[in-house]
């Protein structure tokens, strides 16, 4: 297994922010000596994963979309 993981795919998305939120975003990015894109990614990951109802909903959707075979580990498929 590699020590350094592959970088995640980056997607461009246009968003509109309320002016006070934009000011907070830019100010926080300066505070941590980073950029607004990094702050947005980190904040969204943290906030969305803290929402327990969302996590339950997401897991239920994944289970509903997967068939009975996809619940097995890849190595176990096709073995008798």
N, C-alpha and C. Protein backbone atom coordinates (compact mmCIF):
# COMPACT_ATOMS: atom_id res chain seq x y z
N UNK A 1 0.85 -1.17 0.00
CA UNK A 1 0.00 0.00 0.00
C UNK A 1 0.90 1.24 0.00
N UNK A 2 0.59 2.22 -0.85
CA UNK A 2 1.42 3.42 -0.89
C UNK A 2 1.26 4.27 0.37
N UNK A 3 2.31 4.98 0.71
CA UNK A 3 2.28 5.86 1.87
C UNK A 3 1.47 7.12 1.55
N UNK A 4 1.68 7.65 0.35
CA UNK A 4 0.97 8.86 -0.07
C UNK A 4 -0.25 8.44 -0.88
N UNK A 5 -1.41 8.92 -0.48
CA UNK A 5 -2.64 8.57 -1.18
C UNK A 5 -2.82 9.45 -2.41
N UNK A 6 -3.56 8.92 -3.37
CA UNK A 6 -3.89 9.67 -4.57
C UNK A 6 -4.73 10.89 -4.20
N UNK A 7 -4.45 12.01 -4.83
CA UNK A 7 -5.21 13.23 -4.55
C UNK A 7 -6.66 13.05 -5.02
N UNK A 8 -7.61 13.59 -4.28
CA UNK A 8 -9.00 13.48 -4.71
C UNK A 8 -9.25 14.28 -5.98
N UNK A 9 -10.22 13.84 -6.74
CA UNK A 9 -10.59 14.56 -7.95
C UNK A 9 -11.16 15.92 -7.56
N UNK A 10 -10.79 16.94 -8.29
CA UNK A 10 -11.27 18.29 -8.03
C UNK A 10 -12.30 18.65 -9.09
N UNK A 11 -13.45 19.12 -8.65
CA UNK A 11 -14.53 19.54 -9.54
C UNK A 11 -14.76 21.03 -9.35
N UNK A 12 -14.97 21.72 -10.44
CA UNK A 12 -15.27 23.14 -10.37
C UNK A 12 -16.76 23.33 -10.23
N UNK A 13 -17.15 24.18 -9.29
CA UNK A 13 -18.56 24.44 -9.03
C UNK A 13 -18.70 25.92 -8.70
N UNK A 14 -19.67 26.55 -9.29
CA UNK A 14 -19.92 27.96 -8.97
C UNK A 14 -20.96 28.02 -7.87
N UNK A 15 -20.66 28.77 -6.82
CA UNK A 15 -21.61 28.94 -5.72
C UNK A 15 -21.79 30.43 -5.45
N UNK A 16 -22.90 30.75 -4.81
CA UNK A 16 -23.18 32.13 -4.43
C UNK A 16 -23.24 32.17 -2.91
N UNK A 17 -22.50 33.10 -2.33
CA UNK A 17 -22.47 33.23 -0.89
C UNK A 17 -23.05 34.57 -0.46
N UNK A 18 -23.67 34.57 0.68
CA UNK A 18 -24.10 35.84 1.26
C UNK A 18 -22.83 36.62 1.60
N UNK A 19 -22.88 37.93 1.48
CA UNK A 19 -21.68 38.74 1.68
C UNK A 19 -21.03 38.52 3.05
N UNK A 20 -21.80 38.48 4.15
CA UNK A 20 -21.14 38.25 5.44
C UNK A 20 -20.44 36.88 5.50
N UNK A 21 -21.02 35.87 4.85
CA UNK A 21 -20.41 34.54 4.83
C UNK A 21 -19.13 34.58 4.00
N UNK A 22 -19.16 35.28 2.89
CA UNK A 22 -17.97 35.40 2.06
C UNK A 22 -16.84 36.09 2.82
N UNK A 23 -17.17 37.12 3.58
CA UNK A 23 -16.16 37.81 4.38
C UNK A 23 -15.57 36.87 5.43
N UNK A 24 -16.42 36.09 6.10
CA UNK A 24 -15.93 35.11 7.08
C UNK A 24 -15.02 34.09 6.42
N UNK A 25 -15.43 33.60 5.26
CA UNK A 25 -14.64 32.61 4.53
C UNK A 25 -13.26 33.15 4.19
N UNK A 26 -13.21 34.32 3.60
CA UNK A 26 -11.93 34.91 3.23
C UNK A 26 -11.07 35.19 4.46
N UNK A 27 -11.70 35.69 5.52
CA UNK A 27 -10.97 35.99 6.74
C UNK A 27 -10.41 34.72 7.37
N UNK A 28 -11.22 33.66 7.41
CA UNK A 28 -10.75 32.41 8.00
C UNK A 28 -9.62 31.81 7.18
N UNK A 29 -9.73 31.89 5.86
CA UNK A 29 -8.66 31.38 4.99
C UNK A 29 -7.35 32.11 5.27
N UNK A 30 -7.43 33.42 5.46
CA UNK A 30 -6.22 34.18 5.81
C UNK A 30 -5.69 33.74 7.17
N UNK A 31 -6.59 33.54 8.12
CA UNK A 31 -6.23 33.13 9.47
C UNK A 31 -5.41 31.84 9.47
N UNK A 32 -5.83 30.84 8.68
CA UNK A 32 -5.11 29.57 8.65
C UNK A 32 -4.06 29.53 7.54
N UNK A 33 -3.86 30.66 6.89
CA UNK A 33 -2.87 30.78 5.81
C UNK A 33 -3.12 29.73 4.72
N UNK A 34 -4.37 29.69 4.26
CA UNK A 34 -4.76 28.75 3.21
C UNK A 34 -5.64 29.50 2.23
N UNK A 35 -6.43 28.75 1.46
CA UNK A 35 -7.31 29.39 0.49
C UNK A 35 -8.77 29.02 0.76
N UNK A 36 -9.66 29.77 0.17
CA UNK A 36 -11.10 29.58 0.40
C UNK A 36 -11.57 28.20 -0.04
N UNK A 37 -11.02 27.67 -1.12
CA UNK A 37 -11.43 26.33 -1.58
C UNK A 37 -11.16 25.28 -0.51
N UNK A 38 -9.99 25.36 0.10
CA UNK A 38 -9.64 24.40 1.15
C UNK A 38 -10.59 24.53 2.34
N UNK A 39 -10.89 25.75 2.75
CA UNK A 39 -11.80 25.97 3.89
C UNK A 39 -13.18 25.41 3.57
N UNK A 40 -13.69 25.69 2.40
CA UNK A 40 -15.02 25.19 2.01
C UNK A 40 -15.06 23.66 2.04
N UNK A 41 -14.06 23.01 1.46
CA UNK A 41 -14.01 21.55 1.45
C UNK A 41 -13.97 20.99 2.88
N UNK A 42 -13.11 21.55 3.72
CA UNK A 42 -12.97 21.04 5.08
C UNK A 42 -14.25 21.25 5.89
N UNK A 43 -14.84 22.43 5.78
CA UNK A 43 -16.05 22.74 6.54
C UNK A 43 -17.22 21.86 6.09
N UNK A 44 -17.40 21.70 4.79
CA UNK A 44 -18.50 20.87 4.30
C UNK A 44 -18.34 19.42 4.77
N UNK A 45 -17.14 18.87 4.67
CA UNK A 45 -16.92 17.50 5.13
C UNK A 45 -17.29 17.37 6.61
N UNK A 46 -16.79 18.28 7.41
CA UNK A 46 -17.01 18.20 8.86
C UNK A 46 -18.49 18.36 9.20
N UNK A 47 -19.14 19.34 8.65
CA UNK A 47 -20.54 19.62 8.99
C UNK A 47 -21.47 18.52 8.47
N UNK A 48 -21.30 18.11 7.23
CA UNK A 48 -22.20 17.12 6.67
C UNK A 48 -22.07 15.77 7.37
N UNK A 49 -20.86 15.36 7.73
CA UNK A 49 -20.70 14.08 8.40
C UNK A 49 -21.19 14.10 9.84
N UNK A 50 -21.37 15.27 10.43
CA UNK A 50 -21.91 15.35 11.79
C UNK A 50 -23.43 15.20 11.81
N UNK A 51 -24.07 15.32 10.66
CA UNK A 51 -25.53 15.21 10.59
C UNK A 51 -25.93 13.72 10.60
N UNK A 52 -26.36 13.23 11.75
CA UNK A 52 -26.68 11.81 11.89
C UNK A 52 -27.85 11.38 11.01
N UNK A 53 -28.85 12.23 10.87
CA UNK A 53 -29.99 11.88 10.01
C UNK A 53 -29.53 11.70 8.56
N UNK A 54 -28.66 12.60 8.12
CA UNK A 54 -28.13 12.48 6.75
C UNK A 54 -27.35 11.18 6.59
N UNK A 55 -26.53 10.84 7.56
CA UNK A 55 -25.72 9.62 7.47
C UNK A 55 -26.61 8.38 7.38
N UNK A 56 -27.67 8.35 8.18
CA UNK A 56 -28.61 7.22 8.14
C UNK A 56 -29.29 7.16 6.78
N UNK A 57 -29.74 8.31 6.30
CA UNK A 57 -30.41 8.39 4.99
C UNK A 57 -29.47 7.91 3.88
N UNK A 58 -28.24 8.37 3.92
CA UNK A 58 -27.26 7.99 2.90
C UNK A 58 -26.98 6.50 2.92
N UNK A 59 -26.81 5.94 4.11
CA UNK A 59 -26.55 4.50 4.23
C UNK A 59 -27.74 3.69 3.73
N UNK A 60 -28.96 4.12 4.04
CA UNK A 60 -30.15 3.42 3.56
C UNK A 60 -30.22 3.44 2.04
N UNK A 61 -29.87 4.58 1.43
CA UNK A 61 -29.87 4.67 -0.03
C UNK A 61 -28.83 3.75 -0.64
N UNK A 62 -27.65 3.70 -0.04
CA UNK A 62 -26.59 2.82 -0.55
C UNK A 62 -27.01 1.37 -0.48
N UNK A 63 -27.63 0.98 0.63
CA UNK A 63 -28.08 -0.40 0.77
C UNK A 63 -29.17 -0.73 -0.24
N UNK A 64 -30.08 0.20 -0.47
CA UNK A 64 -31.17 -0.01 -1.41
C UNK A 64 -30.65 -0.12 -2.84
N UNK A 65 -29.60 0.63 -3.17
CA UNK A 65 -29.05 0.62 -4.52
C UNK A 65 -28.19 -0.60 -4.79
N UNK A 66 -27.63 -1.19 -3.74
CA UNK A 66 -26.77 -2.35 -3.95
C UNK A 66 -27.60 -3.62 -3.91
N UNK A 67 -27.22 -4.54 -4.76
CA UNK A 67 -27.90 -5.83 -4.79
C UNK A 67 -27.32 -6.74 -3.73
N UNK A 68 -27.85 -7.95 -3.60
CA UNK A 68 -27.35 -8.87 -2.57
C UNK A 68 -25.89 -9.27 -2.80
N UNK A 69 -25.43 -9.32 -4.05
CA UNK A 69 -24.03 -9.69 -4.33
C UNK A 69 -23.06 -8.61 -3.92
N UNK A 70 -23.46 -7.35 -4.02
CA UNK A 70 -22.52 -6.26 -3.75
C UNK A 70 -22.26 -6.09 -2.26
N UNK A 71 -23.04 -6.77 -1.41
CA UNK A 71 -22.80 -6.68 0.03
C UNK A 71 -21.62 -7.55 0.45
N UNK A 72 -21.23 -8.51 -0.41
CA UNK A 72 -20.11 -9.39 -0.10
C UNK A 72 -18.81 -8.69 -0.44
N UNK A 73 -17.75 -8.98 0.32
CA UNK A 73 -16.44 -8.44 -0.05
C UNK A 73 -16.02 -8.94 -1.42
N UNK A 74 -15.26 -8.15 -2.14
CA UNK A 74 -14.83 -8.49 -3.49
C UNK A 74 -14.12 -9.84 -3.54
N UNK A 75 -13.27 -10.13 -2.55
CA UNK A 75 -12.51 -11.37 -2.56
C UNK A 75 -13.40 -12.59 -2.44
N UNK A 76 -14.55 -12.45 -1.78
CA UNK A 76 -15.43 -13.59 -1.54
C UNK A 76 -16.31 -13.90 -2.74
N UNK A 77 -16.46 -12.98 -3.65
CA UNK A 77 -17.33 -13.22 -4.81
C UNK A 77 -16.72 -14.28 -5.70
N UNK A 78 -17.57 -15.15 -6.18
CA UNK A 78 -17.15 -16.17 -7.14
C UNK A 78 -16.47 -17.36 -6.51
N UNK A 79 -16.29 -17.38 -5.20
CA UNK A 79 -15.69 -18.52 -4.53
C UNK A 79 -16.79 -19.47 -4.07
N UNK A 80 -16.51 -20.76 -4.12
CA UNK A 80 -17.49 -21.74 -3.67
C UNK A 80 -17.20 -22.20 -2.28
